[in-house]
Protein backbone atom coordinates (compact mmCIF):
# COMPACT_ATOMS: atom_id res chain seq x y z
CA MET A 1 117.27 95.55 -10.10
CA ASP A 2 120.15 94.07 -8.10
CA ASP A 3 121.93 97.40 -8.18
CA ALA A 4 118.85 99.26 -7.03
CA ALA A 5 118.30 96.90 -4.06
CA THR A 6 118.29 98.50 -0.61
CA GLU A 7 118.68 95.20 1.24
CA PRO A 8 121.95 93.18 1.59
CA LEU A 9 122.58 90.60 -1.08
CA GLU A 10 122.62 87.82 1.53
CA THR A 11 119.06 88.65 2.58
CA ILE A 12 117.89 88.51 -0.99
CA ILE A 13 119.62 85.19 -1.62
CA LYS A 14 118.02 83.68 1.48
CA ARG A 15 114.59 84.87 0.28
CA VAL A 16 115.12 83.33 -3.18
CA GLY A 17 116.35 80.10 -1.60
CA ALA A 18 113.08 79.87 0.35
CA LEU A 19 110.94 80.45 -2.75
CA VAL A 20 112.96 77.84 -4.71
CA ALA A 21 112.51 75.35 -1.84
CA ILE A 22 108.76 75.89 -1.70
CA GLU A 23 108.53 75.27 -5.46
CA ALA A 24 110.72 72.22 -5.18
CA ILE A 25 108.52 70.70 -2.49
CA ALA A 26 105.44 71.36 -4.58
CA MET A 27 107.03 69.59 -7.57
CA MET A 28 107.92 66.55 -5.45
CA GLY A 29 104.62 66.43 -3.68
CA GLY A 30 106.23 66.43 -0.21
CA THR A 31 109.55 66.08 1.61
CA TYR A 32 109.47 62.59 3.27
CA GLY A 33 112.05 60.26 1.73
CA ARG A 34 112.82 62.72 -1.08
CA ARG A 35 116.28 63.26 -2.53
CA VAL A 36 117.33 66.43 -4.40
CA ILE A 37 120.45 67.08 -6.40
CA VAL A 38 121.50 70.80 -6.68
CA LEU A 39 123.82 71.79 -9.54
CA ALA A 40 125.45 74.78 -7.84
CA GLY A 41 127.56 77.16 -9.91
CA PRO A 42 130.03 79.77 -8.69
CA GLY A 43 127.83 82.96 -8.93
CA ASN A 44 124.63 84.26 -7.37
CA ASN A 45 122.56 81.60 -9.13
CA GLY A 46 124.67 78.90 -7.37
CA ALA A 47 124.21 80.75 -4.12
CA ASP A 48 120.42 80.72 -4.59
CA GLY A 49 120.60 76.96 -5.13
CA LYS A 50 122.70 76.43 -1.96
CA ALA A 51 120.21 78.56 0.04
CA ALA A 52 117.40 76.40 -1.25
CA ALA A 53 119.36 73.26 -0.22
CA THR A 54 119.64 74.61 3.31
CA PHE A 55 115.88 75.12 3.54
CA LEU A 56 115.13 71.70 2.05
CA GLU A 57 117.55 69.96 4.53
CA GLN A 58 115.79 71.66 7.40
CA ARG A 59 112.57 70.06 6.23
CA GLY A 60 114.06 66.52 6.06
CA VAL A 61 114.98 66.33 2.38
CA ARG A 62 118.28 64.62 1.52
CA VAL A 63 120.20 67.16 -0.61
CA SER A 64 123.50 66.70 -2.49
CA SER A 65 125.25 69.60 -4.14
CA LEU A 66 127.30 68.97 -7.26
CA PRO A 67 129.49 71.21 -9.37
CA PRO A 68 128.01 72.44 -12.64
CA ASP A 69 130.60 70.55 -14.75
CA VAL A 70 129.61 67.09 -13.40
CA ARG A 71 129.00 64.74 -16.34
CA SER A 72 125.98 62.84 -14.96
CA VAL A 73 123.48 63.08 -12.16
CA PRO A 74 122.53 60.15 -9.96
CA THR A 75 118.93 59.03 -9.49
CA CYS A 76 116.92 61.42 -7.44
CA ASP A 77 113.46 62.96 -7.07
CA LEU A 78 114.34 66.40 -8.38
CA VAL A 79 117.28 68.37 -9.89
CA ILE A 80 117.60 71.99 -8.98
CA ASP A 81 119.51 73.75 -11.78
CA ALA A 82 121.51 76.57 -10.18
CA ALA A 83 124.57 76.19 -12.41
CA PHE A 84 124.50 79.45 -14.39
CA GLY A 85 121.86 82.21 -14.59
CA THR A 86 121.38 85.20 -16.81
CA GLY A 87 125.12 86.06 -16.82
CA VAL A 88 126.29 82.93 -18.67
CA SER A 89 128.85 83.95 -21.24
CA ARG A 90 130.44 80.67 -22.30
CA GLU A 91 129.25 77.33 -23.63
CA TYR A 92 127.84 74.98 -21.03
CA LEU A 93 127.66 71.19 -21.37
CA ALA A 94 124.79 70.11 -19.22
CA PRO A 95 125.14 66.75 -17.31
CA HIS A 96 123.17 63.71 -18.26
CA ILE A 97 119.98 63.57 -16.16
CA PRO A 98 118.18 60.22 -16.12
CA ALA A 99 114.88 60.20 -17.93
CA GLY A 100 111.83 61.06 -15.87
CA ILE A 101 113.60 63.17 -13.27
CA PRO A 102 112.06 66.71 -13.16
CA VAL A 103 114.32 69.74 -13.32
CA LEU A 104 113.66 73.04 -11.59
CA SER A 105 115.79 75.86 -13.08
CA ILE A 106 116.39 79.16 -11.29
CA ASP A 107 115.78 82.22 -13.45
CA VAL A 108 117.04 80.72 -16.73
CA PRO A 109 117.86 77.10 -17.65
CA SER A 110 121.65 76.98 -17.51
CA GLY A 111 123.25 77.37 -20.89
CA PHE A 112 120.69 79.74 -22.43
CA ASP A 113 121.27 83.49 -23.03
CA GLY A 114 118.74 85.23 -20.83
CA LEU A 115 118.46 88.14 -23.21
CA THR A 116 117.99 86.33 -26.57
CA GLY A 117 117.14 82.69 -25.78
CA GLU A 118 120.19 81.50 -27.68
CA ALA A 119 121.64 78.10 -26.67
CA LEU A 120 125.26 78.24 -25.59
CA GLY A 121 126.56 74.70 -25.83
CA THR A 122 124.20 71.97 -24.65
CA PRO A 123 121.93 73.62 -22.07
CA ILE A 124 119.70 72.21 -19.35
CA GLN A 125 116.16 71.17 -20.36
CA ALA A 126 113.93 72.34 -17.48
CA SER A 127 110.51 70.99 -16.43
CA ARG A 128 109.81 74.27 -14.67
CA THR A 129 111.66 77.63 -14.37
CA ILE A 130 111.22 79.85 -11.37
CA VAL A 131 111.90 83.37 -12.68
CA LEU A 132 113.16 85.98 -10.22
CA GLY A 133 111.56 89.42 -10.11
CA ALA A 134 110.81 89.87 -13.79
CA LEU A 135 110.55 87.63 -16.92
CA LYS A 136 113.79 87.44 -18.84
CA PRO A 137 113.29 88.16 -22.56
CA GLY A 138 115.18 85.11 -23.73
CA LEU A 139 112.62 82.78 -22.07
CA LEU A 140 110.08 83.85 -24.72
CA PHE A 141 112.35 83.00 -27.69
CA GLU A 142 113.33 79.65 -29.07
CA PRO A 143 115.07 77.43 -28.15
CA ALA A 144 114.91 78.64 -24.56
CA ARG A 145 111.13 79.03 -24.76
CA SER A 146 110.59 75.29 -25.22
CA ALA A 147 113.41 74.28 -22.85
CA SER A 148 112.19 76.36 -19.90
CA GLY A 149 109.06 74.35 -19.31
CA GLU A 150 106.41 75.95 -17.16
CA ARG A 151 107.54 79.51 -16.24
CA ILE A 152 106.60 80.98 -12.83
CA VAL A 153 107.55 84.55 -12.01
CA VAL A 154 108.06 85.23 -8.32
CA ASP A 155 108.35 88.40 -6.36
CA ILE A 156 111.70 88.53 -4.58
CA GLY A 157 111.16 91.96 -2.98
CA LEU A 158 113.05 93.99 -5.52
CA ASP A 159 110.92 96.72 -7.13
CA ALA A 160 112.89 98.92 -9.50
CA THR A 161 109.98 100.06 -11.63
CA ASP A 162 110.57 103.72 -10.63
CA THR A 163 114.07 103.67 -12.11
CA ILE A 164 114.10 100.96 -14.74
CA THR A 165 112.07 100.90 -17.94
CA PRO A 166 111.37 97.40 -19.20
CA SER A 167 112.85 96.68 -22.64
CA ALA A 168 109.71 94.78 -23.63
CA TYR A 169 106.31 93.63 -22.39
CA GLU A 170 104.81 90.17 -22.90
CA ILE A 171 101.27 90.61 -24.27
CA GLU A 172 98.54 88.65 -22.42
CA ALA A 173 94.80 88.14 -22.93
CA GLU A 174 93.97 90.84 -20.38
CA ASP A 175 95.75 93.37 -22.58
CA ILE A 176 93.61 92.53 -25.59
CA VAL A 177 90.41 92.86 -23.53
CA GLY A 178 91.46 96.38 -22.52
CA TRP A 179 92.56 97.47 -26.00
CA LEU A 180 89.73 96.29 -28.27
CA PRO A 181 87.52 99.35 -29.05
CA ALA A 182 83.82 99.15 -28.34
CA ARG A 183 81.41 99.83 -31.21
CA HIS A 184 79.50 103.07 -31.06
CA PRO A 185 75.71 102.58 -31.23
CA GLU A 186 75.48 104.99 -34.21
CA THR A 187 78.41 103.62 -36.12
CA HIS A 188 78.19 102.70 -39.85
CA LYS A 189 80.29 100.63 -42.28
CA TRP A 190 82.42 103.53 -43.54
CA LYS A 191 83.60 104.28 -39.99
CA SER A 192 85.82 101.22 -40.18
CA ALA A 193 86.41 100.71 -43.85
CA CYS A 194 89.52 98.85 -44.99
CA TRP A 195 90.93 98.65 -48.57
CA VAL A 196 93.03 95.62 -49.39
CA VAL A 197 95.32 96.02 -52.41
CA GLY A 198 96.98 92.80 -53.53
CA GLY A 199 96.82 89.77 -55.71
CA SER A 200 98.18 89.09 -59.14
CA ALA A 201 98.06 86.35 -61.78
CA GLY A 202 97.96 83.02 -59.90
CA MET A 203 98.16 84.82 -56.54
CA THR A 204 94.60 86.08 -55.98
CA GLY A 205 94.23 83.72 -52.96
CA ALA A 206 96.62 85.76 -50.86
CA ALA A 207 94.62 88.96 -51.39
CA ILE A 208 91.35 87.11 -50.68
CA LEU A 209 92.74 85.76 -47.37
CA ALA A 210 93.82 89.23 -46.35
CA ALA A 211 90.35 90.59 -47.18
CA ARG A 212 88.68 87.79 -45.20
CA GLY A 213 91.04 88.58 -42.27
CA ALA A 214 89.85 92.20 -42.40
CA GLN A 215 86.20 91.27 -42.49
CA ARG A 216 86.44 88.88 -39.55
CA GLY A 217 88.62 91.37 -37.74
CA GLY A 218 85.66 93.72 -37.64
CA ALA A 219 86.11 96.09 -40.52
CA GLY A 220 82.65 97.35 -41.47
CA TYR A 221 83.38 97.62 -45.24
CA VAL A 222 86.19 95.75 -47.03
CA ARG A 223 87.18 96.60 -50.56
CA LEU A 224 89.49 94.24 -52.48
CA SER A 225 91.41 95.53 -55.52
CA ILE A 226 93.59 93.18 -57.59
CA PRO A 227 95.72 95.41 -59.92
CA GLU A 228 95.50 94.78 -63.64
CA THR A 229 92.48 92.59 -63.12
CA SER A 230 88.88 93.54 -63.71
CA PRO A 231 86.39 92.78 -60.91
CA SER A 232 86.19 89.01 -61.02
CA ALA A 233 82.88 87.26 -60.86
CA GLU A 234 84.81 84.29 -59.52
CA VAL A 235 86.25 86.27 -56.67
CA SER A 236 82.87 87.87 -55.86
CA GLN A 237 81.24 84.44 -55.77
CA MET A 238 83.83 83.20 -53.30
CA ILE A 239 82.92 85.97 -50.89
CA ALA A 240 79.48 87.40 -51.55
CA ASP A 241 79.81 90.23 -49.01
CA LEU A 242 83.18 91.43 -50.32
CA VAL A 243 83.36 94.46 -52.60
CA VAL A 244 85.74 93.88 -55.47
CA VAL A 245 86.75 96.98 -57.34
CA ALA A 246 89.21 97.28 -60.24
CA MET A 247 92.46 99.23 -59.79
CA ASP A 248 94.71 100.14 -62.73
CA GLU A 249 98.32 99.20 -62.90
CA LYS A 250 99.38 102.56 -61.51
CA LEU A 251 97.59 101.72 -58.27
CA ARG A 252 95.72 105.02 -58.15
CA ALA A 253 93.27 105.25 -55.24
CA PRO A 254 91.29 108.40 -55.78
CA ASP A 255 88.79 107.83 -52.98
CA ILE A 256 91.23 106.57 -50.34
CA ASP A 257 90.18 109.30 -47.93
CA ARG A 258 86.85 107.46 -47.45
CA PHE A 259 88.78 104.55 -45.85
CA ALA A 260 90.12 104.21 -42.35
CA SER A 261 92.99 101.89 -43.26
CA MET A 262 94.69 100.16 -46.18
CA VAL A 263 96.52 96.82 -46.54
CA VAL A 264 99.07 96.61 -49.40
CA GLY A 265 100.97 93.65 -50.60
CA PRO A 266 99.50 90.14 -50.16
CA GLY A 267 100.06 88.33 -53.48
CA LEU A 268 100.88 91.60 -55.27
CA GLY A 269 103.73 90.08 -57.25
CA ARG A 270 107.27 91.44 -57.79
CA ALA A 271 107.13 92.86 -61.29
CA ALA A 272 109.80 95.58 -61.52
CA THR A 273 107.46 97.77 -63.45
CA MET A 274 105.20 97.95 -60.41
CA THR A 275 107.79 99.14 -57.88
CA ALA A 276 107.42 102.87 -58.55
CA HIS A 277 103.64 102.63 -58.35
CA VAL A 278 103.78 100.78 -55.03
CA LEU A 279 106.10 103.45 -53.62
CA ASP A 280 103.80 106.17 -54.92
CA LEU A 281 100.79 104.59 -53.29
CA ILE A 282 102.63 104.28 -49.93
CA ALA A 283 103.91 107.81 -50.00
CA GLU A 284 100.73 109.52 -51.09
CA SER A 285 98.13 107.69 -48.94
CA THR A 286 97.56 109.39 -45.60
CA VAL A 287 95.45 106.62 -44.00
CA PRO A 288 96.92 104.04 -41.56
CA MET A 289 98.53 101.28 -43.70
CA VAL A 290 99.79 97.73 -43.33
CA ILE A 291 102.66 97.05 -45.65
CA ASP A 292 102.95 93.30 -46.10
CA ALA A 293 104.53 90.58 -48.26
CA ASP A 294 105.40 91.71 -51.82
CA ALA A 295 104.96 95.41 -50.95
CA LEU A 296 107.89 94.98 -48.54
CA TRP A 297 109.94 93.63 -51.42
CA HIS A 298 109.10 96.66 -53.50
CA LEU A 299 110.19 98.91 -50.62
CA GLY A 300 113.68 97.31 -50.52
CA ASP A 301 116.46 98.63 -48.33
CA ASP A 302 116.38 102.27 -49.42
CA SER A 303 112.87 103.37 -48.35
CA ALA A 304 113.39 104.53 -44.76
CA GLY A 305 113.09 108.18 -45.78
CA LEU A 306 109.86 107.55 -47.69
CA LEU A 307 108.32 105.66 -44.73
CA ALA A 308 109.45 108.37 -42.22
CA ARG A 309 107.63 110.98 -44.28
CA ARG A 310 104.28 109.21 -44.19
CA THR A 311 101.67 111.17 -42.19
CA GLY A 312 99.50 108.09 -41.57
CA ALA A 313 100.50 105.31 -39.18
CA THR A 314 102.55 102.48 -40.83
CA VAL A 315 102.86 98.83 -39.85
CA LEU A 316 105.54 96.76 -41.50
CA THR A 317 105.12 92.95 -41.17
CA PRO A 318 108.40 91.28 -42.25
CA HIS A 319 109.52 87.72 -41.66
CA ASP A 320 113.27 87.19 -41.49
CA GLY A 321 113.79 87.13 -45.28
CA GLU A 322 111.77 90.28 -45.72
CA PHE A 323 113.67 91.91 -42.83
CA ARG A 324 116.89 91.24 -44.70
CA GLY A 325 115.35 92.82 -47.83
CA LEU A 326 114.63 95.95 -45.86
CA THR A 327 117.92 96.14 -43.90
CA GLY A 328 120.46 94.11 -45.80
CA GLU A 329 120.89 91.61 -43.01
CA LEU A 330 118.97 89.04 -40.98
CA PRO A 331 117.63 90.04 -37.55
CA GLY A 332 120.25 88.17 -35.55
CA PRO A 333 119.72 86.55 -32.10
CA ASN A 334 118.48 89.70 -30.35
CA ARG A 335 115.12 90.02 -32.14
CA VAL A 336 113.80 92.74 -29.83
CA ASP A 337 116.76 95.04 -30.57
CA ALA A 338 116.54 94.22 -34.31
CA ALA A 339 112.81 95.16 -34.51
CA VAL A 340 113.29 98.29 -32.51
CA ALA A 341 116.21 99.46 -34.71
CA LEU A 342 114.12 99.04 -37.84
CA ALA A 343 111.18 100.81 -36.23
CA GLN A 344 113.39 103.75 -35.38
CA GLN A 345 114.94 103.80 -38.82
CA THR A 346 111.62 103.82 -40.65
CA GLN A 347 109.51 105.63 -38.03
CA SER A 348 107.05 102.78 -38.37
CA VAL A 349 105.71 100.02 -36.23
CA VAL A 350 107.56 96.80 -37.06
CA LEU A 351 105.96 93.35 -36.55
CA LEU A 352 108.85 90.89 -36.80
CA LYS A 353 107.31 87.49 -37.40
CA GLY A 354 108.69 84.30 -35.89
CA ALA A 355 107.90 81.54 -33.43
CA THR A 356 107.73 84.50 -31.09
CA THR A 357 106.62 87.78 -32.63
CA VAL A 358 108.11 91.21 -31.72
CA VAL A 359 106.08 94.39 -32.28
CA ALA A 360 108.24 97.49 -31.98
CA ALA A 361 107.45 101.14 -32.22
CA PRO A 362 109.92 103.97 -32.85
CA SER A 363 109.84 104.82 -29.14
CA GLY A 364 108.87 102.98 -26.00
CA PRO A 365 109.16 99.31 -24.98
CA ALA A 366 108.56 96.60 -27.57
CA HIS A 367 105.72 94.14 -27.32
CA VAL A 368 106.42 90.36 -27.37
CA VAL A 369 103.68 87.97 -28.51
CA ALA A 370 104.50 84.40 -27.48
CA ASN A 371 101.18 82.54 -27.65
CA GLY A 372 101.56 81.20 -31.20
CA ASP A 373 102.32 77.56 -32.12
CA VAL A 374 103.32 75.58 -35.19
CA ARG A 375 99.80 75.60 -36.60
CA LEU A 376 100.51 79.10 -37.93
CA ALA A 377 103.32 77.73 -40.05
CA THR A 378 101.08 77.35 -43.07
CA ALA A 379 100.92 79.19 -46.42
CA GLY A 380 98.65 82.21 -46.25
CA SER A 381 98.38 82.64 -42.49
CA GLY A 382 100.41 85.83 -42.75
CA ASP A 383 97.92 87.25 -45.25
CA VAL A 384 95.10 86.75 -42.78
CA LEU A 385 97.19 88.55 -40.11
CA ALA A 386 97.80 91.47 -42.38
CA GLY A 387 94.02 91.86 -42.98
CA LEU A 388 93.23 91.49 -39.32
CA ILE A 389 95.66 94.29 -38.39
CA GLY A 390 94.16 96.42 -41.14
CA ALA A 391 90.71 95.91 -39.54
CA LEU A 392 91.97 96.90 -36.06
CA LEU A 393 93.60 100.02 -37.52
CA ALA A 394 90.34 100.85 -39.21
CA ARG A 395 88.53 100.48 -35.91
CA GLY A 396 90.71 103.18 -34.46
CA MET A 397 93.45 101.30 -32.57
CA PRO A 398 96.90 102.87 -32.36
CA ALA A 399 99.36 101.11 -34.70
CA GLN A 400 101.46 99.22 -32.09
CA LEU A 401 98.42 98.06 -30.23
CA ALA A 402 96.64 97.06 -33.46
CA ALA A 403 99.67 95.01 -34.55
CA SER A 404 100.15 93.40 -31.15
CA ALA A 405 96.44 92.58 -30.70
CA GLY A 406 96.33 91.29 -34.22
CA ALA A 407 99.27 88.92 -33.64
CA PHE A 408 97.85 87.72 -30.33
CA VAL A 409 94.29 87.09 -31.66
CA HIS A 410 95.71 85.50 -34.82
CA ALA A 411 97.62 83.00 -32.65
CA ASP A 412 94.62 82.48 -30.42
CA ALA A 413 92.53 81.74 -33.54
CA ALA A 414 94.95 79.04 -34.59
CA SER A 415 94.69 77.45 -31.14
CA LEU A 416 90.92 77.06 -31.70
CA GLY A 417 91.44 75.12 -34.88
CA TYR A 418 92.56 71.64 -35.87
CA ALA A 419 95.68 70.29 -34.11
CA ASP A 420 96.75 68.93 -37.50
CA GLY A 421 95.78 70.07 -40.97
CA LEU A 422 94.90 73.62 -40.21
CA VAL A 423 95.00 75.80 -43.35
CA ALA A 424 94.96 79.60 -43.73
CA SER A 425 91.36 79.65 -45.00
CA ASP A 426 90.28 78.19 -41.68
CA LEU A 427 91.65 81.21 -39.77
CA PRO A 428 89.30 84.13 -40.60
CA ASP A 429 86.24 82.46 -38.99
CA LEU A 430 88.42 81.43 -36.02
CA VAL A 431 89.58 85.05 -35.71
CA ALA A 432 86.00 86.14 -35.18
CA ARG A 433 85.66 83.49 -32.47
CA ALA A 434 88.81 84.56 -30.78
CA LEU A 435 87.81 88.19 -30.84
CA THR A 436 84.47 87.35 -29.31
CA GLU A 437 86.13 85.41 -26.45
CA HIS A 438 88.21 88.47 -25.64
CA ARG A 439 85.15 90.60 -25.09
């Protein structure tokens, strides 16, 4: 965007300085008697801070500029962090700032990688970050996500959207409202039928959670099949409106064409004798499919060709360990690039789980879902997510949108639950509430 600018750099820096000064005054609640410390680095970020200092001084604020390597900051009303921006390439040791003093960072809290969110040294911890022109990807990933405080994106008069394609989009509630399909007045249950294949001895709970996620996600008909297990009265009693149908150990699905989607893997187990049957089911089924949990383990790191040959849409839902099982290595700090690379390799949509979730398709910008919190770090929550995505696929949503909407609604559902003690079985009913609120 800087390179595409038609205005002189000095003009842009002066404009940024004014925007930073306005934000600083708002944070301090005025200018009279206020004192500001600016940590001014050697680059454009430092120039932005110095421009803000000039505007503040003109309005009666006492401003002191300090070099970025100062070891401590004196008492003041506000610290403006203009030490290093997105171009930081070395470790930064932030100065000691007395407790209670708010910090306004420009673009990125100094010491964080603007692309990945990685900490380089001991970075600044901001109360608020004023982000210039466009959100930097790293601000959505930990630890920068927590350290950036409230994020405010400001227009600095640089519009390069005609020449620059964003690497990713942050998904917001407005997106979900626009994506969720309306129900046709003459619809029936088979129009959005979802088949969940999972569960094994001692692991039926995972499959049930996925089936519940599909039901509350709006699938009109949900069938649950637990391989090598006859339809269980116990399972049927748990969920009276769930259809439980036996499936033999070869995972044959003769009437799969009646279904609009399939979810494979939650609680399926990792018996080596099942691997060939899982791969056959994936290869031969033409309906949109969510491949989750143990089914990812059965895929292993040599199934890119099989996945690329599928005619139905495919969504893979790995966490970091499962990602390593598919690729031979962990995602690394640049999670957007890692998800995109796997999506291209497998010609599938990849939902890379984490504190921030990345949903990548083989082509086009990735989606970043950053509304989750620690309540989702509970056993079984991923099973509910797999079922929810399966339901959205069954309702006709394109794979990347279904995965992104599923991740966003799943996180929203958790936010409606207990602050402490939330368990996965709480989530399906909360999913229905969250979906209703996005109407």
